[in-house]
Amino acid sequence: MTRLASNRAYWYVISLVTLIPGTIALLLWGLNLGIDFTGGTIWEIQFDESVESEQIQSVLSANGYGDATVQISSEGELTNNVAIIRMEELAQLAPEKRAMEEGFATEIGPFEELQISTVGSAVSSDISQKAIIAMAAASIGILLFMAFAFRNTQNPVLYGLCAIAGMLHDVLLVLGFFAIAGHFFDVQVDALFVTALLTVIGFSVHDTIVVFDRIRENLARQADPVFEEVVNYSLAQTIVRSVNTSLTVVFTLLTLYLFGGESTRTFVLALLIGTVSGTYSSIFNASQLLVSWEMGDFHRWWNRLRRRENETAPAVS
């Protein structure tokens, strides 16, 4: 039988090691927010030949948009022929836009406008507030649902709290990754990123419920008098199913990430990281927290920490 629950301290350490870099990046730099949250315009242009970001930047600076950021990507048979420009708000019929289009055509060559999207500051503020409300509502809803679904167990609220802990692990890992990617690789997050986070929350909790439900069934039929062994037995029954289900999703997301469009790449990457993390957290975090609570690990670790503090404290003469 698998001894996953018996080695729970190791799984906690692995989780901490993976979360700490991203958490530090999140605190120091935060997320690189896109125009959905900050307001502004994103303008995507495809040229008939390869282009350098400096050429685009030169035209933008000449028309008063020197602070704009330019990202070069590829589309079709050519390489580096698509420019994604993020800038201050730019109206569709503004004279500045017409002047920049003439500059692109003259200094670089023929091009085609793929898309242009503008978000006002008031709309971006509303999106930010709704994103926070959505995350909070999801957490509260999960806690209430889990407490109701496992109301016949000894401590139903504990199941909800452990599920939320696993969910927060996944969300924090995704946020931390994108904080690092945003700082070093200029990866921006948009409204689709919030959708990805909510999807990750749903997947994480779904996987956790499968494990918790099997634990409840084995407790009801008294599979073992020791709670740790019940969890070990339950994980042995569900781990293959959880991993196989996750792998089918991972392969699909990998295909979308490698061969999908540029506009959905951040969304797919967030889902990919969250899916892998959600599978890990349901097995190695949420269920292990249940065991730690039932077996008195937290109380024992707290007493050990207090004892060490007392031993290292200087004696008062």
Protein backbone atom coordinates (compact mmCIF):
# COMPACT_ATOMS: atom_id res chain seq x y z
CA MET A 1 0.00 0.00 0.00
CA THR A 2 1.21 3.49 -0.75
CA ARG A 3 2.60 5.43 2.21
CA LEU A 4 1.87 8.92 0.93
CA ALA A 5 0.19 10.13 4.12
CA SER A 6 3.05 8.80 6.24
CA ASN A 7 5.52 11.03 4.37
CA ARG A 8 3.38 14.17 4.51
CA ALA A 9 6.19 16.33 5.93
CA TYR A 10 8.15 15.85 2.71
CA TRP A 11 5.19 16.94 0.57
CA TYR A 12 4.83 20.10 2.66
CA VAL A 13 8.51 20.91 2.11
CA ILE A 14 8.19 20.39 -1.67
CA SER A 15 5.19 22.72 -1.74
CA LEU A 16 7.04 25.40 0.22
CA VAL A 17 10.08 25.17 -2.05
CA THR A 18 7.93 25.66 -5.16
CA LEU A 19 5.84 28.46 -3.66
CA ILE A 20 8.54 30.62 -2.04
CA PRO A 21 10.22 32.00 -5.25
CA GLY A 22 6.88 32.96 -6.80
CA THR A 23 5.58 34.46 -3.55
CA ILE A 24 8.68 36.62 -3.22
CA ALA A 25 8.33 37.74 -6.86
CA LEU A 26 4.66 38.51 -6.27
CA LEU A 27 5.47 40.67 -3.24
CA LEU A 28 8.39 42.45 -4.89
CA TRP A 29 7.15 42.98 -8.43
CA GLY A 30 3.51 41.96 -8.55
CA LEU A 31 1.84 40.90 -11.79
CA ASN A 32 2.53 42.58 -15.11
CA LEU A 33 -1.04 43.72 -15.71
CA GLY A 34 -2.42 44.10 -19.22
CA ILE A 35 -4.74 46.78 -20.51
CA ASP A 36 -7.79 44.97 -19.11
CA PHE A 37 -6.62 46.03 -15.65
CA THR A 38 -4.66 49.21 -16.35
CA GLY A 39 -6.52 50.69 -19.32
CA GLY A 40 -4.99 51.45 -22.72
CA THR A 41 -4.80 50.02 -26.22
CA ILE A 42 -3.37 46.81 -27.66
CA TRP A 43 -2.66 47.00 -31.38
CA GLU A 44 -1.64 43.94 -33.39
CA ILE A 45 -0.13 44.46 -36.85
CA GLN A 46 1.14 41.91 -39.37
CA PHE A 47 3.80 43.01 -41.87
CA ASP A 48 4.66 41.45 -45.22
CA GLU A 49 8.27 41.05 -44.11
CA SER A 50 10.23 40.54 -40.91
CA VAL A 51 10.42 43.54 -38.63
CA GLU A 52 12.50 44.65 -35.65
CA SER A 53 10.99 46.13 -32.50
CA GLU A 54 13.31 49.14 -32.85
CA GLN A 55 11.66 50.03 -36.18
CA ILE A 56 8.23 49.98 -34.60
CA GLN A 57 9.45 51.90 -31.57
CA SER A 58 10.94 54.61 -33.79
CA VAL A 59 7.58 55.32 -35.46
CA LEU A 60 5.76 55.28 -32.13
CA SER A 61 8.24 57.71 -30.52
CA ALA A 62 7.95 60.10 -33.48
CA ASN A 63 4.19 60.31 -32.83
CA GLY A 64 4.31 60.78 -29.06
CA TYR A 65 3.94 57.13 -27.96
CA GLY A 66 7.50 56.42 -26.93
CA ASP A 67 6.35 54.72 -23.70
CA ALA A 68 4.56 51.97 -25.63
CA THR A 69 5.88 48.41 -25.40
CA VAL A 70 6.41 46.30 -28.52
CA GLN A 71 6.42 42.50 -28.74
CA ILE A 72 7.44 40.77 -31.97
CA SER A 73 6.03 37.34 -32.89
CA SER A 74 5.59 35.19 -35.97
CA GLU A 75 2.56 34.38 -38.09
CA GLY A 76 2.41 32.20 -41.19
CA GLU A 77 5.55 31.33 -43.11
CA LEU A 78 7.50 34.45 -42.14
CA THR A 79 9.27 34.95 -38.82
CA ASN A 80 9.11 38.07 -36.65
CA ASN A 81 6.50 39.71 -38.85
CA VAL A 82 3.80 40.50 -36.25
CA ALA A 83 4.05 43.45 -33.87
CA ILE A 84 1.92 43.53 -30.70
CA ILE A 85 1.90 47.10 -29.37
CA ARG A 86 0.64 48.03 -25.90
CA MET A 87 0.16 51.74 -25.44
CA GLU A 88 -1.96 54.50 -23.92
CA GLU A 89 -5.55 54.82 -25.09
CA LEU A 90 -5.70 55.34 -28.84
CA ALA A 91 -9.00 55.99 -30.61
CA GLN A 92 -9.73 54.11 -33.83
CA LEU A 93 -10.08 57.32 -35.89
CA ALA A 94 -7.47 59.39 -34.03
CA PRO A 95 -5.07 61.47 -36.20
CA GLU A 96 -2.15 59.93 -34.30
CA LYS A 97 -3.19 56.46 -35.41
CA ARG A 98 -3.37 57.54 -39.03
CA ALA A 99 0.06 59.16 -38.75
CA MET A 100 1.58 55.98 -37.27
CA GLU A 101 0.03 53.85 -40.00
CA GLU A 102 1.63 56.09 -42.62
CA GLY A 103 4.94 55.85 -40.77
CA PHE A 104 4.79 52.04 -40.69
CA ALA A 105 4.00 51.88 -44.40
CA THR A 106 6.76 54.32 -45.33
CA GLU A 107 9.59 53.13 -43.05
CA ILE A 108 8.85 49.40 -42.85
CA GLY A 109 6.50 48.32 -45.63
CA PRO A 110 2.97 47.04 -46.28
CA PHE A 111 1.06 45.72 -43.28
CA GLU A 112 -2.35 44.48 -42.16
CA GLU A 113 -4.10 45.41 -38.94
CA LEU A 114 -5.07 42.17 -37.19
CA GLN A 115 -6.82 43.75 -34.23
CA ILE A 116 -6.97 46.83 -32.04
CA SER A 117 -8.60 46.84 -28.59
CA THR A 118 -9.01 49.78 -26.26
CA VAL A 119 -10.06 49.65 -22.60
CA GLY A 120 -10.82 52.82 -20.65
CA SER A 121 -9.55 53.39 -17.12
CA ALA A 122 -13.05 53.18 -15.61
CA VAL A 123 -13.69 49.81 -17.27
CA SER A 124 -10.30 48.44 -16.18
CA SER A 125 -10.99 49.43 -12.57
CA ASP A 126 -14.37 47.68 -12.72
CA ILE A 127 -12.74 44.52 -14.11
CA SER A 128 -10.18 44.49 -11.28
CA GLN A 129 -12.88 44.80 -8.61
CA LYS A 130 -15.02 42.08 -10.18
CA ALA A 131 -12.02 39.77 -10.42
CA ILE A 132 -11.38 40.10 -6.67
CA ILE A 133 -15.07 39.58 -5.89
CA ALA A 134 -15.18 36.49 -8.12
CA MET A 135 -12.20 34.91 -6.34
CA ALA A 136 -13.64 35.66 -2.89
CA ALA A 137 -17.10 34.35 -3.84
CA ALA A 138 -15.58 31.15 -5.22
CA SER A 139 -13.67 30.53 -1.98
CA ILE A 140 -16.73 31.10 0.22
CA GLY A 141 -18.89 28.94 -2.04
CA ILE A 142 -16.37 26.10 -1.91
CA LEU A 143 -16.18 26.22 1.89
CA LEU A 144 -19.97 26.11 2.25
CA PHE A 145 -20.39 23.37 -0.34
CA MET A 146 -17.66 21.19 1.16
CA ALA A 147 -19.05 21.63 4.67
CA PHE A 148 -22.50 20.56 3.40
CA ALA A 149 -21.25 17.69 1.24
CA PHE A 150 -19.22 16.22 4.11
CA ARG A 151 -21.71 17.06 6.87
CA ASN A 152 -21.82 13.42 8.00
CA THR A 153 -18.11 13.38 8.86
CA GLN A 154 -16.65 14.19 12.25
CA ASN A 155 -15.44 17.67 11.22
CA PRO A 156 -17.13 18.83 7.98
CA VAL A 157 -15.71 22.38 8.06
CA LEU A 158 -12.19 20.91 8.19
CA TYR A 159 -12.75 19.28 4.79
CA GLY A 160 -13.73 22.64 3.34
CA LEU A 161 -10.72 24.40 4.87
CA CYS A 162 -8.32 21.75 3.58
CA ALA A 163 -9.85 22.02 0.09
CA ILE A 164 -9.40 25.80 0.17
CA ALA A 165 -5.80 25.37 1.35
CA GLY A 166 -5.10 23.15 -1.65
CA MET A 167 -6.88 25.63 -3.92
CA LEU A 168 -4.83 28.55 -2.56
CA HIS A 169 -1.68 26.52 -3.15
CA ASP A 170 -2.59 26.21 -6.83
CA VAL A 171 -3.64 29.84 -7.26
CA LEU A 172 -0.52 31.13 -5.50
CA LEU A 173 1.71 28.92 -7.64
CA VAL A 174 0.13 30.26 -10.85
CA LEU A 175 0.30 33.86 -9.64
CA GLY A 176 3.91 33.45 -8.56
CA PHE A 177 4.92 31.93 -11.88
CA PHE A 178 3.38 34.80 -13.83
CA ALA A 179 4.93 37.36 -11.49
CA ILE A 180 8.35 35.93 -12.39
CA ALA A 181 7.46 35.64 -16.09
CA GLY A 182 6.08 39.17 -16.13
CA HIS A 183 9.23 40.64 -14.61
CA PHE A 184 11.81 38.78 -16.70
CA PHE A 185 9.91 38.05 -19.94
CA ASP A 186 7.30 40.85 -20.03
CA VAL A 187 4.38 38.38 -19.91
CA GLN A 188 1.17 40.32 -19.24
CA VAL A 189 -2.05 39.02 -17.69
CA ASP A 190 -5.50 40.04 -18.88
CA ALA A 191 -9.14 39.26 -18.13
CA LEU A 192 -8.72 35.76 -19.60
CA PHE A 193 -6.16 35.12 -16.86
CA VAL A 194 -8.90 35.55 -14.25
CA THR A 195 -10.99 33.02 -16.16
CA ALA A 196 -8.02 30.64 -16.08
CA LEU A 197 -7.64 31.08 -12.31
CA LEU A 198 -11.32 30.34 -11.71
CA THR A 199 -11.01 27.25 -13.92
CA VAL A 200 -7.96 26.14 -11.94
CA ILE A 201 -9.94 26.57 -8.73
CA GLY A 202 -12.73 24.39 -10.10
CA PHE A 203 -10.35 21.68 -11.27
CA SER A 204 -8.43 21.69 -7.99
CA VAL A 205 -11.56 21.35 -5.87
CA HIS A 206 -13.04 18.71 -8.18
CA ASP A 207 -9.94 16.54 -7.81
CA THR A 208 -9.89 17.10 -4.05
CA ILE A 209 -13.54 16.08 -3.72
CA VAL A 210 -12.79 12.76 -5.44
CA VAL A 211 -10.09 12.00 -2.86
CA PHE A 212 -12.13 13.25 0.11
CA ASP A 213 -15.19 11.27 -0.97
CA ARG A 214 -13.18 8.06 -1.03
CA ILE A 215 -11.79 8.88 2.43
CA ARG A 216 -15.34 9.37 3.69
CA GLU A 217 -16.45 6.04 2.23
CA ASN A 218 -13.55 4.18 3.82
CA LEU A 219 -14.18 5.87 7.16
CA ALA A 220 -17.84 4.84 7.03
CA ARG A 221 -16.99 1.21 6.47
CA GLN A 222 -14.11 1.36 9.00
CA ALA A 223 -11.41 0.23 6.59
CA ASP A 224 -8.80 0.81 9.31
CA PRO A 225 -8.95 2.10 12.88
CA VAL A 226 -6.08 4.55 12.22
CA PHE A 227 -7.05 7.67 10.22
CA GLU A 228 -3.63 7.87 8.54
CA GLU A 229 -4.02 4.35 7.17
CA VAL A 230 -7.52 5.16 5.90
CA VAL A 231 -6.09 8.08 3.92
CA ASN A 232 -3.23 5.92 2.63
CA TYR A 233 -5.72 3.33 1.44
CA SER A 234 -7.96 5.99 -0.14
CA LEU A 235 -5.06 7.58 -2.01
CA ALA A 236 -3.98 4.18 -3.32
CA GLN A 237 -7.48 3.79 -4.78
CA THR A 238 -7.69 7.25 -6.39
CA ILE A 239 -4.16 8.30 -7.37
CA VAL A 240 -4.07 6.45 -10.70
CA ARG A 241 -7.45 7.86 -11.71
CA SER A 242 -6.44 11.41 -10.73
CA VAL A 243 -3.14 11.27 -12.60
CA ASN A 244 -4.66 9.74 -15.73
CA THR A 245 -7.45 12.32 -15.82
CA SER A 246 -4.95 15.14 -15.41
CA LEU A 247 -2.67 13.78 -18.12
CA THR A 248 -5.46 13.87 -20.71
CA VAL A 249 -6.03 17.55 -19.87
CA VAL A 250 -2.28 18.30 -19.85
CA PHE A 251 -1.75 16.78 -23.31
CA THR A 252 -4.63 18.81 -24.72
CA LEU A 253 -3.36 22.02 -23.17
CA LEU A 254 0.18 21.36 -24.40
CA THR A 255 -1.14 21.02 -27.93
CA LEU A 256 -3.07 24.29 -27.61
CA TYR A 257 -0.02 26.05 -26.16
CA LEU A 258 2.39 24.85 -28.83
CA PHE A 259 0.11 25.22 -31.86
CA GLY A 260 -2.58 27.67 -30.72
CA GLY A 261 -2.76 31.40 -31.30
CA GLU A 262 -0.69 34.02 -29.53
CA SER A 263 -3.73 35.68 -27.94
CA THR A 264 -4.67 32.58 -25.89
CA ARG A 265 -1.16 31.44 -24.95
CA THR A 266 -1.14 33.05 -21.50
CA PHE A 267 -4.58 31.62 -20.77
CA VAL A 268 -3.53 28.10 -21.78
CA LEU A 269 -0.24 28.32 -19.86
CA ALA A 270 -2.08 29.32 -16.68
CA LEU A 271 -4.44 26.37 -17.12
CA LEU A 272 -1.52 24.03 -17.75
CA ILE A 273 0.34 25.04 -14.60
CA GLY A 274 -2.86 25.03 -12.54
CA THR A 275 -3.86 21.55 -13.74
CA VAL A 276 -0.53 20.02 -12.75
CA SER A 277 -0.56 21.89 -9.44
CA GLY A 278 -4.19 20.94 -8.77
CA THR A 279 -3.42 17.26 -9.19
CA TYR A 280 -0.47 17.56 -6.81
CA SER A 281 -2.32 19.59 -4.18
CA SER A 282 -5.35 17.29 -4.00
CA ILE A 283 -3.13 14.28 -3.28
CA PHE A 284 -0.13 15.75 -1.50
CA ASN A 285 -1.58 18.81 0.26
CA ALA A 286 -5.32 18.77 0.94
CA SER A 287 -5.54 15.14 2.04
CA GLN A 288 -2.29 15.41 3.99
CA LEU A 289 -3.63 18.41 5.90
CA LEU A 290 -6.57 16.27 6.98
CA VAL A 291 -4.15 13.69 8.36
CA SER A 292 -2.00 16.30 10.08
CA TRP A 293 -5.04 17.73 11.85
CA GLU A 294 -6.47 14.37 12.89
CA MET A 295 -3.07 13.03 14.01
CA GLY A 296 -2.22 16.18 15.98
CA ASP A 297 0.80 17.17 13.88
CA PHE A 298 0.18 20.91 14.14
CA HIS A 299 -0.13 20.80 17.91
CA ARG A 300 2.99 18.67 18.18
CA TRP A 301 5.00 20.92 15.83
CA TRP A 302 3.87 24.00 17.76
CA ASN A 303 4.96 22.49 21.10
CA ARG A 304 8.30 21.51 19.61
CA LEU A 305 8.83 25.06 18.31
CA ARG A 306 7.94 26.55 21.70
CA ARG A 307 10.30 24.14 23.44
CA ARG A 308 13.17 25.15 21.15
CA GLU A 309 12.46 28.82 21.80
CA ASN A 310 12.57 28.22 25.52
CA GLU A 311 15.83 26.29 25.27
CA THR A 312 17.53 29.04 23.21
CA ALA A 313 16.16 31.91 25.29
CA PRO A 314 18.80 33.49 27.60
CA ALA A 315 18.37 32.70 31.25
CA VAL A 316 17.17 35.59 33.45
CA SER A 317 19.45 36.08 36.45
